[in-house]
Amino acid sequence: MENEKLKLYVERIEKLEEERATLAADVKDMYSEAKSNGFDVAALKKIIAIRKKGQDKHKEEQAMIALYMQELGMLADTPLGRAAIEAEIKKAF
């Protein structure tokens, strides 16, 4: 009896692995098609990742990235960076 259960699990897992491989190939094909139509695949992947995690989580991550970039002086040449620097100067006085 246990042999049959084990065999069923193994067969079902194998079938799911085959389905996953098929889906992965389909996704790869979609990216290739998008690229051939002039779309930037890296940008598409980022958009999909953002949509998957949700807007709130994305905004939280972006705020943290901006904070780190500010601390590293990487935003000094942008309007956001200049505004952040001015805000820090105002806080100091």
Foldseek 3Di string as FASTA:
>chain_A
DVVVVVVVVVVVVVVVVVVVVVVVVVVVVVLVVCVVVPDDSVVVVVVVVDVVVDDVVVVVVVVVVVVVCLVVVNCCPDPVNVVVVVVVVVVVD
